[in-house]
Structure formats: C-alpha cells, structure tokens
PDB file of N, CA and C in Angstrom:
ATOM      1  N   MET A   1      52.750 117.826 281.981  1.00  0.00           N
ATOM      2  CA  MET A   1      53.568 118.678 281.130  1.00  0.00           C
ATOM      3  C   MET A   1      54.468 117.798 280.262  1.00  0.00           C
ATOM      4  N   SER A   2      54.563 118.129 279.016  1.00  0.00           N
ATOM      5  CA  SER A   2      55.362 117.298 278.118  1.00  0.00           C
ATOM      6  C   SER A   2      56.821 117.727 278.141  1.00  0.00           C
ATOM      7  N   THR A   3      57.672 116.755 277.910  1.00  0.00           N
ATOM      8  CA  THR A   3      59.106 117.016 277.886  1.00  0.00           C
ATOM      9  C   THR A   3      59.498 117.551 276.514  1.00  0.00           C
ATOM     10  N   PRO A   4      60.673 118.171 276.411  1.00  0.00           N
ATOM     11  CA  PRO A   4      61.110 118.675 275.103  1.00  0.00           C
ATOM     12  C   PRO A   4      61.236 117.574 274.047  1.00  0.00           C
ATOM     13  N   ILE A   5      61.629 116.386 274.464  1.00  0.00           N
ATOM     14  CA  ILE A   5      61.766 115.295 273.492  1.00  0.00           C
ATOM     15  C   ILE A   5      60.383 114.855 272.998  1.00  0.00           C
ATOM     16  N   GLU A   6      59.399 114.826 273.892  1.00  0.00           N
ATOM     17  CA  GLU A   6      58.035 114.470 273.485  1.00  0.00           C
ATOM     18  C   GLU A   6      57.480 115.503 272.512  1.00  0.00           C
ATOM     19  N   THR A   7      57.734 116.772 272.807  1.00  0.00           N
ATOM     20  CA  THR A   7      57.282 117.849 271.929  1.00  0.00           C
ATOM     21  C   THR A   7      57.951 117.735 270.561  1.00  0.00           C
ATOM     22  N   SER A   8      59.249 117.433 270.550  1.00  0.00           N
ATOM     23  CA  SER A   8      59.976 117.292 269.287  1.00  0.00           C
ATOM     24  C   SER A   8      59.463 116.104 268.483  1.00  0.00           C
ATOM     25  N   PHE A   9      59.204 114.975 269.161  1.00  0.00           N
ATOM     26  CA  PHE A   9      58.658 113.810 268.469  1.00  0.00           C
ATOM     27  C   PHE A   9      57.292 114.125 267.859  1.00  0.00           C
ATOM     28  N   ALA A  10      56.421 114.749 268.654  1.00  0.00           N
ATOM     29  CA  ALA A  10      55.078 115.063 268.171  1.00  0.00           C
ATOM     30  C   ALA A  10      55.136 116.027 266.987  1.00  0.00           C
ATOM     31  N   ASP A  11      56.011 117.023 267.072  1.00  0.00           N
ATOM     32  CA  ASP A  11      56.157 117.997 265.991  1.00  0.00           C
ATOM     33  C   ASP A  11      56.673 117.323 264.718  1.00  0.00           C
ATOM     34  N   THR A  12      57.658 116.446 264.872  1.00  0.00           N
ATOM     35  CA  THR A  12      58.222 115.755 263.714  1.00  0.00           C
ATOM     36  C   THR A  12      57.197 114.809 263.093  1.00  0.00           C
ATOM     37  N   GLU A  13      56.457 114.091 263.924  1.00  0.00           N
ATOM     38  CA  GLU A  13      55.418 113.199 263.398  1.00  0.00           C
ATOM     39  C   GLU A  13      54.331 113.979 262.662  1.00  0.00           C
ATOM     40  N   ARG A  14      54.009 115.161 263.168  1.00  0.00           N
ATOM     41  CA  ARG A  14      53.029 116.014 262.488  1.00  0.00           C
ATOM     42  C   ARG A  14      53.548 116.449 261.123  1.00  0.00           C
ATOM     43  N   HIS A  15      54.832 116.793 261.041  1.00  0.00           N
ATOM     44  CA  HIS A  15      55.420 117.208 259.766  1.00  0.00           C
ATOM     45  C   HIS A  15      55.531 116.043 258.786  1.00  0.00           C
ATOM     46  N   VAL A  16      55.782 114.837 259.288  1.00  0.00           N
ATOM     47  CA  VAL A  16      55.791 113.654 258.416  1.00  0.00           C
ATOM     48  C   VAL A  16      54.402 113.468 257.796  1.00  0.00           C
ATOM     49  N   ALA A  17      53.365 113.660 258.600  1.00  0.00           N
ATOM     50  CA  ALA A  17      51.995 113.544 258.090  1.00  0.00           C
ATOM     51  C   ALA A  17      51.697 114.648 257.066  1.00  0.00           C
ATOM     52  N   GLU A  18      52.226 115.850 257.288  1.00  0.00           N
ATOM     53  CA  GLU A  18      52.011 116.944 256.335  1.00  0.00           C
ATOM     54  C   GLU A  18      52.683 116.652 254.999  1.00  0.00           C
ATOM     55  N   VAL A  19      53.871 116.068 255.047  1.00  0.00           N
ATOM     56  CA  VAL A  19      54.554 115.703 253.802  1.00  0.00           C
ATOM     57  C   VAL A  19      53.757 114.631 253.071  1.00  0.00           C
ATOM     58  N   ALA A  20      53.230 113.663 253.806  1.00  0.00           N
ATOM     59  CA  ALA A  20      52.421 112.617 253.184  1.00  0.00           C
ATOM     60  C   ALA A  20      51.190 113.220 252.506  1.00  0.00           C
ATOM     61  N   ALA A  21      50.544 114.175 253.169  1.00  0.00           N
ATOM     62  CA  ALA A  21      49.378 114.832 252.571  1.00  0.00           C
ATOM     63  C   ALA A  21      49.769 115.640 251.339  1.00  0.00           C
ATOM     64  N   ALA A  22      50.924 116.274 251.376  1.00  0.00           N
ATOM     65  CA  ALA A  22      51.390 117.052 250.224  1.00  0.00           C
ATOM     66  C   ALA A  22      51.711 116.145 249.039  1.00  0.00           C
ATOM     67  N   ILE A  23      52.242 114.969 249.313  1.00  0.00           N
ATOM     68  CA  ILE A  23      52.525 114.011 248.235  1.00  0.00           C
ATOM     69  C   ILE A  23      51.218 113.567 247.589  1.00  0.00           C
ATOM     70  N   VAL A  24      50.213 113.292 248.405  1.00  0.00           N
ATOM     71  CA  VAL A  24      48.924 112.858 247.875  1.00  0.00           C
ATOM     72  C   VAL A  24      48.268 113.978 247.067  1.00  0.00           C
ATOM     73  N   SER A  25      48.381 115.214 247.541  1.00  0.00           N
ATOM     74  CA  SER A  25      47.750 116.333 246.829  1.00  0.00           C
ATOM     75  C   SER A  25      48.422 116.605 245.488  1.00  0.00           C
ATOM     76  N   GLY A  26      49.724 116.329 245.396  1.00  0.00           N
ATOM     77  CA  GLY A  26      50.439 116.516 244.141  1.00  0.00           C
ATOM     78  C   GLY A  26      50.824 117.947 243.847  1.00  0.00           C
ATOM     79  N   GLU A  27      50.693 118.840 244.811  1.00  0.00           N
ATOM     80  CA  GLU A  27      51.075 120.232 244.607  1.00  0.00           C
ATOM     81  C   GLU A  27      52.540 120.427 244.986  1.00  0.00           C
ATOM     82  N   PRO A  28      53.382 120.806 244.024  1.00  0.00           N
ATOM     83  CA  PRO A  28      54.816 120.936 244.311  1.00  0.00           C
ATOM     84  C   PRO A  28      55.138 121.998 245.352  1.00  0.00           C
ATOM     85  N   LEU A  29      54.406 123.105 245.347  1.00  0.00           N
ATOM     86  CA  LEU A  29      54.693 124.169 246.300  1.00  0.00           C
ATOM     87  C   LEU A  29      54.439 123.714 247.734  1.00  0.00           C
ATOM     88  N   SER A  30      53.304 123.063 247.961  1.00  0.00           N
ATOM     89  CA  SER A  30      52.999 122.590 249.320  1.00  0.00           C
ATOM     90  C   SER A  30      53.978 121.488 249.739  1.00  0.00           C
ATOM     91  N   LEU A  31      54.419 120.672 248.783  1.00  0.00           N
ATOM     92  CA  LEU A  31      55.400 119.630 249.106  1.00  0.00           C
ATOM     93  C   LEU A  31      56.736 120.250 249.506  1.00  0.00           C
ATOM     94  N   GLY A  32      57.138 121.287 248.808  1.00  0.00           N
ATOM     95  CA  GLY A  32      58.395 121.966 249.154  1.00  0.00           C
ATOM     96  C   GLY A  32      58.343 122.593 250.533  1.00  0.00           C
ATOM     97  N   ILE A  33      57.233 123.238 250.838  1.00  0.00           N
ATOM     98  CA  ILE A  33      57.085 123.874 252.155  1.00  0.00           C
ATOM     99  C   ILE A  33      57.042 122.814 253.254  1.00  0.00           C
ATOM    100  N   ALA A  34      56.275 121.753 253.035  1.00  0.00           N
ATOM    101  CA  ALA A  34      56.168 120.692 254.038  1.00  0.00           C
ATOM    102  C   ALA A  34      57.513 119.992 254.241  1.00  0.00           C
ATOM    103  N   SER A  35      58.257 119.792 253.156  1.00  0.00           N
ATOM    104  CA  SER A  35      59.565 119.129 253.263  1.00  0.00           C
ATOM    105  C   SER A  35      60.560 119.989 254.030  1.00  0.00           C
ATOM    106  N   ALA A  36      60.536 121.291 253.778  1.00  0.00           N
ATOM    107  CA  ALA A  36      61.435 122.189 254.514  1.00  0.00           C
ATOM    108  C   ALA A  36      61.085 122.204 255.997  1.00  0.00           C
ATOM    109  N   SER A  37      59.797 122.203 256.306  1.00  0.00           N
ATOM    110  CA  SER A  37      59.370 122.160 257.711  1.00  0.00           C
ATOM    111  C   SER A  37      59.782 120.847 258.370  1.00  0.00           C
ATOM    112  N   LEU A  38      59.650 119.751 257.630  1.00  0.00           N
ATOM    113  CA  LEU A  38      60.058 118.446 258.164  1.00  0.00           C
ATOM    114  C   LEU A  38      61.559 118.408 258.415  1.00  0.00           C
ATOM    115  N   ARG A  39      62.320 118.953 257.499  1.00  0.00           N
ATOM    116  CA  ARG A  39      63.773 118.983 257.669  1.00  0.00           C
ATOM    117  C   ARG A  39      64.151 119.734 258.948  1.00  0.00           C
ATOM    118  N   GLN A  40      63.510 120.876 259.177  1.00  0.00           N
ATOM    119  CA  GLN A  40      63.795 121.648 260.382  1.00  0.00           C
ATOM    120  C   GLN A  40      63.354 120.900 261.639  1.00  0.00           C
ATOM    121  N   ALA A  41      62.201 120.242 261.575  1.00  0.00           N
ATOM    122  CA  ALA A  41      61.724 119.472 262.730  1.00  0.00           C
ATOM    123  C   ALA A  41      62.665 118.308 263.035  1.00  0.00           C
ATOM    124  N   MET A  42      63.202 117.683 261.991  1.00  0.00           N
ATOM    125  CA  MET A  42      64.152 116.578 262.195  1.00  0.00           C
ATOM    126  C   MET A  42      65.432 117.079 262.863  1.00  0.00           C
ATOM    127  N   LEU A  43      65.892 118.253 262.464  1.00  0.00           N
ATOM    128  CA  LEU A  43      67.083 118.815 263.105  1.00  0.00           C
ATOM    129  C   LEU A  43      66.818 119.118 264.578  1.00  0.00           C
ATOM    130  N   THR A  44      65.652 119.652 264.868  1.00  0.00           N
ATOM    131  CA  THR A  44      65.284 119.934 266.255  1.00  0.00           C
ATOM    132  C   THR A  44      65.191 118.642 267.058  1.00  0.00           C
ATOM    133  N   LEU A  45      64.590 117.601 266.474  1.00  0.00           N
ATOM    134  CA  LEU A  45      64.500 116.309 267.144  1.00  0.00           C
ATOM    135  C   LEU A  45      65.885 115.720 267.383  1.00  0.00           C
ATOM    136  N   SER A  46      66.742 115.828 266.403  1.00  0.00           N
ATOM    137  CA  SER A  46      68.107 115.312 266.553  1.00  0.00           C
ATOM    138  C   SER A  46      68.843 116.012 267.691  1.00  0.00           C
ATOM    139  N   ASP A  47      68.688 117.336 267.773  1.00  0.00           N
ATOM    140  CA  ASP A  47      69.317 118.071 268.883  1.00  0.00           C
ATOM    141  C   ASP A  47      68.753 117.628 270.223  1.00  0.00           C
ATOM    142  N   ALA A  48      67.443 117.411 270.285  1.00  0.00           N
ATOM    143  CA  ALA A  48      66.815 116.979 271.543  1.00  0.00           C
ATOM    144  C   ALA A  48      67.295 115.594 271.951  1.00  0.00           C
ATOM    145  N   VAL A  49      67.453 114.698 270.984  1.00  0.00           N
ATOM    146  CA  VAL A  49      67.926 113.339 271.286  1.00  0.00           C
ATOM    147  C   VAL A  49      69.372 113.377 271.761  1.00  0.00           C
ATOM    148  N   GLN A  50      70.180 114.254 271.180  1.00  0.00           N
ATOM    149  CA  GLN A  50      71.584 114.349 271.598  1.00  0.00           C
ATOM    150  C   GLN A  50      71.719 114.804 273.047  1.00  0.00           C
ATOM    151  N   ARG A  51      70.738 115.552 273.541  1.00  0.00           N
ATOM    152  CA  ARG A  51      70.792 116.037 274.926  1.00  0.00           C
ATOM    153  C   ARG A  51      70.327 114.990 275.939  1.00  0.00           C
ATOM    154  N   LEU A  52      69.774 113.874 275.458  1.00  0.00           N
ATOM    155  CA  LEU A  52      69.321 112.818 276.367  1.00  0.00           C
ATOM    156  C   LEU A  52      70.499 112.003 276.873  1.00  0.00           C
ATOM    157  N   SER A  53      70.307 111.378 278.001  1.00  0.00           N
ATOM    158  CA  SER A  53      71.325 110.462 278.513  1.00  0.00           C
ATOM    159  C   SER A  53      71.295 109.182 277.672  1.00  0.00           C
ATOM    160  N   PRO A  54      72.375 108.401 277.689  1.00  0.00           N
ATOM    161  CA  PRO A  54      72.381 107.150 276.912  1.00  0.00           C
ATOM    162  C   PRO A  54      71.248 106.195 277.283  1.00  0.00           C
ATOM    163  N   ASP A  55      70.877 106.164 278.551  1.00  0.00           N
ATOM    164  CA  ASP A  55      69.768 105.300 278.962  1.00  0.00           C
ATOM    165  C   ASP A  55      68.450 105.765 278.349  1.00  0.00           C
ATOM    166  N   GLN A  56      68.247 107.067 278.331  1.00  0.00           N
ATOM    167  CA  GLN A  56      67.025 107.610 277.740  1.00  0.00           C
ATOM    168  C   GLN A  56      66.998 107.397 276.227  1.00  0.00           C
ATOM    169  N   GLN A  57      68.162 107.454 275.591  1.00  0.00           N
ATOM    170  CA  GLN A  57      68.222 107.263 274.140  1.00  0.00           C
ATOM    171  C   GLN A  57      67.857 105.835 273.749  1.00  0.00           C
ATOM    172  N   LEU A  58      68.080 104.875 274.647  1.00  0.00           N
ATOM    173  CA  LEU A  58      67.780 103.478 274.358  1.00  0.00           C
ATOM    174  C   LEU A  58      66.365 103.071 274.782  1.00  0.00           C
ATOM    175  N   ASP A  59      65.557 104.028 275.181  1.00  0.00           N
ATOM    176  CA  ASP A  59      64.192 103.742 275.599  1.00  0.00           C
ATOM    177  C   ASP A  59      63.429 103.088 274.451  1.00  0.00           C
ATOM    178  N   PRO A  60      62.821 101.909 274.673  1.00  0.00           N
ATOM    179  CA  PRO A  60      62.108 101.208 273.592  1.00  0.00           C
ATOM    180  C   PRO A  60      60.962 102.022 272.997  1.00  0.00           C
ATOM    181  N   LYS A  61      60.336 102.870 273.799  1.00  0.00           N
ATOM    182  CA  LYS A  61      59.238 103.699 273.299  1.00  0.00           C
ATOM    183  C   LYS A  61      59.757 104.673 272.235  1.00  0.00           C
ATOM    184  N   PHE A  62      60.899 105.289 272.508  1.00  0.00           N
ATOM    185  CA  PHE A  62      61.484 106.221 271.538  1.00  0.00           C
ATOM    186  C   PHE A  62      61.968 105.479 270.301  1.00  0.00           C
ATOM    187  N   SER A  63      62.563 104.320 270.504  1.00  0.00           N
ATOM    188  CA  SER A  63      63.054 103.532 269.364  1.00  0.00           C
ATOM    189  C   SER A  63      61.907 103.139 268.442  1.00  0.00           C
ATOM    190  N   ALA A  64      60.776 102.774 269.035  1.00  0.00           N
ATOM    191  CA  ALA A  64      59.612 102.393 268.225  1.00  0.00           C
ATOM    192  C   ALA A  64      59.096 103.586 267.422  1.00  0.00           C
ATOM    193  N   ARG A  65      59.090 104.761 268.043  1.00  0.00           N
ATOM    194  CA  ARG A  65      58.627 105.961 267.331  1.00  0.00           C
ATOM    195  C   ARG A  65      59.574 106.321 266.193  1.00  0.00           C
ATOM    196  N   VAL A  66      60.861 106.174 266.434  1.00  0.00           N
ATOM    197  CA  VAL A  66      61.846 106.475 265.384  1.00  0.00           C
ATOM    198  C   VAL A  66      61.691 105.486 264.230  1.00  0.00           C
ATOM    199  N   ARG A  67      61.514 104.198 264.546  1.00  0.00           N
ATOM    200  CA  ARG A  67      61.317 103.197 263.486  1.00  0.00           C
ATOM    201  C   ARG A  67      60.048 103.483 262.680  1.00  0.00           C
ATOM    202  N   LYS A  68      58.990 103.890 263.367  1.00  0.00           N
ATOM    203  CA  LYS A  68      57.734 104.204 262.685  1.00  0.00           C
ATOM    204  C   LYS A  68      57.920 105.388 261.731  1.00  0.00           C
ATOM    205  N   MET A  69      58.621 106.434 262.193  1.00  0.00           N
ATOM    206  CA  MET A  69      58.882 107.587 261.317  1.00  0.00           C
ATOM    207  C   MET A  69      59.793 107.208 260.158  1.00  0.00           C
ATOM    208  N   ALA A  70      60.778 106.373 260.420  1.00  0.00           N
ATOM    209  CA  ALA A  70      61.698 105.954 259.361  1.00  0.00           C
ATOM    210  C   ALA A  70      60.970 105.172 258.279  1.00  0.00           C
ATOM    211  N   SER A  71      60.048 104.300 258.684  1.00  0.00           N
ATOM    212  CA  SER A  71      59.307 103.534 257.681  1.00  0.00           C
ATOM    213  C   SER A  71      58.366 104.444 256.896  1.00  0.00           C
ATOM    214  N   ALA A  72      57.765 105.432 257.565  1.00  0.00           N
ATOM    215  CA  ALA A  72      56.897 106.380 256.855  1.00  0.00           C
ATOM    216  C   ALA A  72      57.699 107.199 255.850  1.00  0.00           C
ATOM    217  N   LEU A  73      58.904 107.614 256.242  1.00  0.00           N
ATOM    218  CA  LEU A  73      59.755 108.374 255.322  1.00  0.00           C
ATOM    219  C   LEU A  73      60.205 107.519 254.139  1.00  0.00           C
ATOM    220  N   ALA A  74      60.465 106.242 254.393  1.00  0.00           N
ATOM    221  CA  ALA A  74      60.855 105.348 253.293  1.00  0.00           C
ATOM    222  C   ALA A  74      59.713 105.186 252.295  1.00  0.00           C
ATOM    223  N   LEU A  75      58.485 105.065 252.800  1.00  0.00           N
ATOM    224  CA  LEU A  75      57.321 104.977 251.912  1.00  0.00           C
ATOM    225  C   LEU A  75      57.131 106.260 251.113  1.00  0.00           C
ATOM    226  N   GLN A  76      57.351 107.390 251.770  1.00  0.00           N
ATOM    227  CA  GLN A  76      57.223 108.672 251.067  1.00  0.00           C
ATOM    228  C   GLN A  76      58.289 108.806 249.981  1.00  0.00           C
ATOM    229  N   ARG A  77      59.482 108.367 250.296  1.00  0.00           N
ATOM    230  CA  ARG A  77      60.568 108.417 249.311  1.00  0.00           C
ATOM    231  C   ARG A  77      60.220 107.559 248.094  1.00  0.00           C
ATOM    232  N   GLU A  78      59.704 106.359 248.316  1.00  0.00           N
ATOM    233  CA  GLU A  78      59.310 105.484 247.213  1.00  0.00           C
ATOM    234  C   GLU A  78      58.189 106.114 246.390  1.00  0.00           C
ATOM    235  N   SER A  79      57.249 106.766 247.064  1.00  0.00           N
ATOM    236  CA  SER A  79      56.162 107.434 246.341  1.00  0.00           C
ATOM    237  C   SER A  79      56.698 108.547 245.458  1.00  0.00           C
ATOM    238  N   LEU A  80      57.655 109.291 245.979  1.00  0.00           N
ATOM    239  CA  LEU A  80      58.243 110.376 245.187  1.00  0.00           C
ATOM    240  C   LEU A  80      59.034 109.835 243.998  1.00  0.00           C
ATOM    241  N   ILE A  81      59.708 108.725 244.190  1.00  0.00           N
ATOM    242  CA  ILE A  81      60.446 108.112 243.078  1.00  0.00           C
ATOM    243  C   ILE A  81      59.474 107.650 242.000  1.00  0.00           C
ATOM    244  N   ARG A  82      58.380 107.015 242.408  1.00  0.00           N
ATOM    245  CA  ARG A  82      57.371 106.573 241.432  1.00  0.00           C
ATOM    246  C   ARG A  82      56.779 107.764 240.685  1.00  0.00           C
ATOM    247  N   ARG A  83      56.479 108.820 241.408  1.00  0.00           N
ATOM    248  CA  ARG A  83      55.908 110.012 240.778  1.00  0.00           C
ATOM    249  C   ARG A  83      56.908 110.636 239.803  1.00  0.00           C
ATOM    250  N   THR A  84      58.178 110.649 240.149  1.00  0.00           N
ATOM    251  CA  THR A  84      59.200 111.190 239.260  1.00  0.00           C
ATOM    252  C   THR A  84      59.260 110.401 237.964  1.00  0.00           C
ATOM    253  N   VAL A  85      59.203 109.088 238.067  1.00  0.00           N
ATOM    254  CA  VAL A  85      59.224 108.236 236.874  1.00  0.00           C
ATOM    255  C   VAL A  85      58.006 108.516 236.004  1.00  0.00           C
ATOM    256  N   LEU A  86      56.838 108.641 236.613  1.00  0.00           N
ATOM    257  CA  LEU A  86      55.622 108.924 235.847  1.00  0.00           C
ATOM    258  C   LEU A  86      55.706 110.278 235.143  1.00  0.00           C
ATOM    259  N   VAL A  87      56.230 111.270 235.837  1.00  0.00           N
ATOM    260  CA  VAL A  87      56.365 112.599 235.222  1.00  0.00           C
ATOM    261  C   VAL A  87      57.351 112.558 234.066  1.00  0.00           C
ATOM    262  N   GLU A  88      58.463 111.863 234.242  1.00  0.00           N
ATOM    263  CA  GLU A  88      59.451 111.762 233.162  1.00  0.00           C
ATOM    264  C   GLU A  88      58.875 111.032 231.956  1.00  0.00           C
ATOM    265  N   ARG A  89      58.112 109.974 232.184  1.00  0.00           N
ATOM    266  CA  ARG A  89      57.488 109.251 231.071  1.00  0.00           C
ATOM    267  C   ARG A  89      56.469 110.132 230.348  1.00  0.00           C
ATOM    268  N   ALA A  90      55.692 110.874 231.119  1.00  0.00           N
ATOM    269  CA  ALA A  90      54.710 111.774 230.503  1.00  0.00           C
ATOM    270  C   ALA A  90      55.411 112.861 229.705  1.00  0.00           C
ATOM    271  N   LEU A  91      56.480 113.389 230.240  1.00  0.00           N
ATOM    272  CA  LEU A  91      57.236 114.420 229.529  1.00  0.00           C
ATOM    273  C   LEU A  91      57.822 113.865 228.242  1.00  0.00           C
ATOM    274  N   ASN A  92      58.355 112.656 228.295  1.00  0.00           N
ATOM    275  CA  ASN A  92      58.913 112.041 227.086  1.00  0.00           C
ATOM    276  C   ASN A  92      57.827 111.740 226.056  1.00  0.00           C
ATOM    277  N   THR A  93      56.611 111.503 226.516  1.00  0.00           N
ATOM    278  CA  THR A  93      55.504 111.294 225.587  1.00  0.00           C
ATOM    279  C   THR A  93      55.094 112.602 224.923  1.00  0.00           C
ATOM    280  N   LEU A  94      55.041 113.667 225.721  1.00  0.00           N
ATOM    281  CA  LEU A  94      54.629 114.966 225.184  1.00  0.00           C
ATOM    282  C   LEU A  94      55.710 115.624 224.343  1.00  0.00           C
ATOM    283  N   VAL A  95      56.954 115.502 224.783  1.00  0.00           N
ATOM    284  CA  VAL A  95      58.074 116.149 224.101  1.00  0.00           C
ATOM    285  C   VAL A  95      59.147 115.091 223.836  1.00  0.00           C
ATOM    286  N   PRO A  96      58.948 114.269 222.803  1.00  0.00           N
ATOM    287  CA  PRO A  96      59.895 113.173 222.573  1.00  0.00           C
ATOM    288  C   PRO A  96      61.286 113.649 222.153  1.00  0.00           C
ATOM    289  N   ALA A  97      61.422 114.873 221.710  1.00  0.00           N
ATOM    290  CA  ALA A  97      62.731 115.366 221.280  1.00  0.00           C
ATOM    291  C   ALA A  97      63.704 115.520 222.439  1.00  0.00           C
ATOM    292  N   THR A  98      63.225 115.468 223.661  1.00  0.00           N
ATOM    293  CA  THR A  98      64.121 115.629 224.801  1.00  0.00           C
ATOM    294  C   THR A  98      65.071 114.443 224.937  1.00  0.00           C
ATOM    295  N   ARG A  99      64.789 113.355 224.248  1.00  0.00           N
ATOM    296  CA  ARG A  99      65.679 112.197 224.315  1.00  0.00           C
ATOM    297  C   ARG A  99      66.815 112.293 223.300  1.00  0.00           C
ATOM    298  N   GLU A 100      66.691 113.189 222.335  1.00  0.00           N
ATOM    299  CA  GLU A 100      67.700 113.298 221.294  1.00  0.00           C
ATOM    300  C   GLU A 100      68.755 114.321 221.680  1.00  0.00           C
ATOM    301  N   VAL A 101      69.826 114.345 220.909  1.00  0.00           N
ATOM    302  CA  VAL A 101      70.906 115.288 221.151  1.00  0.00           C
ATOM    303  C   VAL A 101      70.394 116.694 220.859  1.00  0.00           C
ATOM    304  N   ALA A 102      70.720 117.627 221.722  1.00  0.00           N
ATOM    305  CA  ALA A 102      70.221 118.989 221.557  1.00  0.00           C
ATOM    306  C   ALA A 102      70.850 119.689 220.352  1.00  0.00           C
ATOM    307  N   TYR A 103      72.144 119.453 220.115  1.00  0.00           N
ATOM    308  CA  TYR A 103      72.838 120.113 219.012  1.00  0.00           C
ATOM    309  C   TYR A 103      73.339 119.047 218.051  1.00  0.00           C
ATOM    310  N   ALA A 104      72.803 119.048 216.869  1.00  0.00           N
ATOM    311  CA  ALA A 104      73.217 118.067 215.865  1.00  0.00           C
ATOM    312  C   ALA A 104      74.583 118.451 215.306  1.00  0.00           C
ATOM    313  N   GLN A 105      75.315 117.455 214.842  1.00  0.00           N
ATOM    314  CA  GLN A 105      76.613 117.713 214.218  1.00  0.00           C
ATOM    315  C   GLN A 105      76.390 118.338 212.855  1.00  0.00           C
ATOM    316  N   GLY A 106      76.929 119.495 212.657  1.00  0.00           N
ATOM    317  CA  GLY A 106      76.774 120.186 211.382  1.00  0.00           C
ATOM    318  C   GLY A 106      78.079 120.178 210.598  1.00  0.00           C
ATOM    319  N   SER A 107      78.005 120.708 209.391  1.00  0.00           N
ATOM    320  CA  SER A 107      79.201 120.742 208.550  1.00  0.00           C
ATOM    321  C   SER A 107      79.909 122.087 208.630  1.00  0.00           C
ATOM    322  N   VAL A 108      79.393 123.004 209.443  1.00  0.00           N
ATOM    323  CA  VAL A 108      80.023 124.316 209.559  1.00  0.00           C
ATOM    324  C   VAL A 108      81.182 124.254 210.537  1.00  0.00           C
ATOM    325  N   ALA A 109      82.023 125.252 210.467  1.00  0.00           N
ATOM    326  CA  ALA A 109      83.263 125.250 211.243  1.00  0.00           C
ATOM    327  C   ALA A 109      83.107 125.844 212.634  1.00  0.00           C
ATOM    328  N   TYR A 110      81.888 126.077 213.081  1.00  0.00           N
ATOM    329  CA  TYR A 110      81.714 126.647 214.426  1.00  0.00           C
ATOM    330  C   TYR A 110      82.202 125.670 215.484  1.00  0.00           C
ATOM    331  N   GLY A 111      82.904 126.201 216.447  1.00  0.00           N
ATOM    332  CA  GLY A 111      83.399 125.376 217.528  1.00  0.00           C
ATOM    333  C   GLY A 111      84.752 124.739 217.252  1.00  0.00           C
ATOM    334  N   ARG A 112      85.300 124.963 216.077  1.00  0.00           N
ATOM    335  CA  ARG A 112      86.626 124.422 215.763  1.00  0.00           C
ATOM    336  C   ARG A 112      87.675 125.503 215.954  1.00  0.00           C
ATOM    337  N   ALA A 113      88.899 125.065 216.067  1.00  0.00           N
ATOM    338  CA  ALA A 113      90.000 126.019 216.189  1.00  0.00           C
ATOM    339  C   ALA A 113      90.122 126.822 214.890  1.00  0.00           C
ATOM    340  N   GLY A 114      90.438 128.091 215.024  1.00  0.00           N
ATOM    341  CA  GLY A 114      90.564 128.948 213.845  1.00  0.00           C
ATOM    342  C   GLY A 114      91.801 128.613 213.020  1.00  0.00           C
ATOM    343  N   ARG A 115      91.726 128.925 211.738  1.00  0.00           N
ATOM    344  CA  ARG A 115      92.869 128.708 210.845  1.00  0.00           C
ATOM    345  C   ARG A 115      93.609 130.024 210.647  1.00  0.00           C
ATOM    346  N   PRO A 116      94.922 129.981 210.605  1.00  0.00           N
ATOM    347  CA  PRO A 116      95.653 131.225 210.376  1.00  0.00           C
ATOM    348  C   PRO A 116      95.399 131.733 208.948  1.00  0.00           C
ATOM    349  N   THR A 117      95.128 133.027 208.841  1.00  0.00           N
ATOM    350  CA  THR A 117      94.863 133.610 207.537  1.00  0.00           C
ATOM    351  C   THR A 117      96.098 134.262 206.933  1.00  0.00           C
ATOM    352  N   GLY A 118      97.083 134.532 207.771  1.00  0.00           N
ATOM    353  CA  GLY A 118      98.290 135.202 207.298  1.00  0.00           C
ATOM    354  C   GLY A 118      98.150 136.703 207.321  1.00  0.00           C
ATOM    355  N   ALA A 119      97.016 137.232 207.773  1.00  0.00           N
ATOM    356  CA  ALA A 119      96.802 138.668 207.813  1.00  0.00           C
ATOM    357  C   ALA A 119      97.710 139.345 208.830  1.00  0.00           C
ATOM    358  N   PHE A 120      98.065 138.640 209.867  1.00  0.00           N
ATOM    359  CA  PHE A 120      98.957 139.190 210.896  1.00  0.00           C
ATOM    360  C   PHE A 120     100.252 138.404 210.836  1.00  0.00           C
ATOM    361  N   GLY A 121     101.241 139.007 210.253  1.00  0.00           N
ATOM    362  CA  GLY A 121     102.511 138.309 210.127  1.00  0.00           C
ATOM    363  C   GLY A 121     103.215 138.132 211.446  1.00  0.00           C
ATOM    364  N   ARG A 122     103.092 139.115 212.311  1.00  0.00           N
ATOM    365  CA  ARG A 122     103.808 139.018 213.580  1.00  0.00           C
ATOM    366  C   ARG A 122     103.032 139.773 214.640  1.00  0.00           C
ATOM    367  N   LEU A 123     102.783 139.122 215.754  1.00  0.00           N
ATOM    368  CA  LEU A 123     102.085 139.738 216.877  1.00  0.00           C
ATOM    369  C   LEU A 123     103.048 139.845 218.035  1.00  0.00           C
ATOM    370  N   SER A 124     103.021 140.991 218.718  1.00  0.00           N
ATOM    371  CA  SER A 124     103.824 141.124 219.924  1.00  0.00           C
ATOM    372  C   SER A 124     102.983 141.807 220.986  1.00  0.00           C
ATOM    373  N   ALA A 125     103.233 141.416 222.208  1.00  0.00           N
ATOM    374  CA  ALA A 125     102.434 141.975 223.301  1.00  0.00           C
ATOM    375  C   ALA A 125     103.195 142.997 224.076  1.00  0.00           C
TER     376      ALA A 125
END
C-alpha cells in the first residue's frame, strides 16, 4: 500500500509530464488546464511534506525526486520563455505597428485643460 506522500509525489510527477506534453503540443488550452492541475498537485504535495517528520523530510529518496521535478520545471519554464519570444517576434513581423505609439501627437486640443469662455460669469453651488 502506498503512503500519502508517495501518492502525492506520483501525482505531481504525472502532472509535470502532462505540462511537458502540453508545451510540446503547443495548444494553449491544454497547457492552461495542465498547469492548473500541476499547481493543485504541488499544493497537495506541499501539504503532505509538511505533515512528515523532520527525519522523513530529509530522506535522500524524496530529495532526489524533488530535485528531479525542480529541474524538469526549470526546463519547462525555459521552453515557455523561448516560445513567448518566438510568438512576440512573429507578432511583430505580422503587425509591425504594435511597436509604435498607439496615439500620435496631434494638433487638436483634445486632452488639454479647457479655456474659460466667459459665458459663466459666476458659478455657485
């Protein structure tokens, strides 16, 4: 019979693999779902680790599994950063105007403080 910590580790490792598959597939919806599932699995794993005794928390087997997951997450993060850069470059190629100012400076008085016209000599509230 597996312990709760073993179940949490296995579940989290499965979700890390699902996120990796979603990154490779390139589908944003599946990546969002897999990332949310991974986040929840990580919270469950964190709660399970907090319930362990200090001796159990220092178990080399658990430390190795945590290091392995951490390195996999770091690789996934780098992949997402690279993909973001590629998407931004492609977007700038397709729509180069996104690099320019959205509202050009015009000669009209919009956005400036109004000038008194003298139509209202005295205002009282």
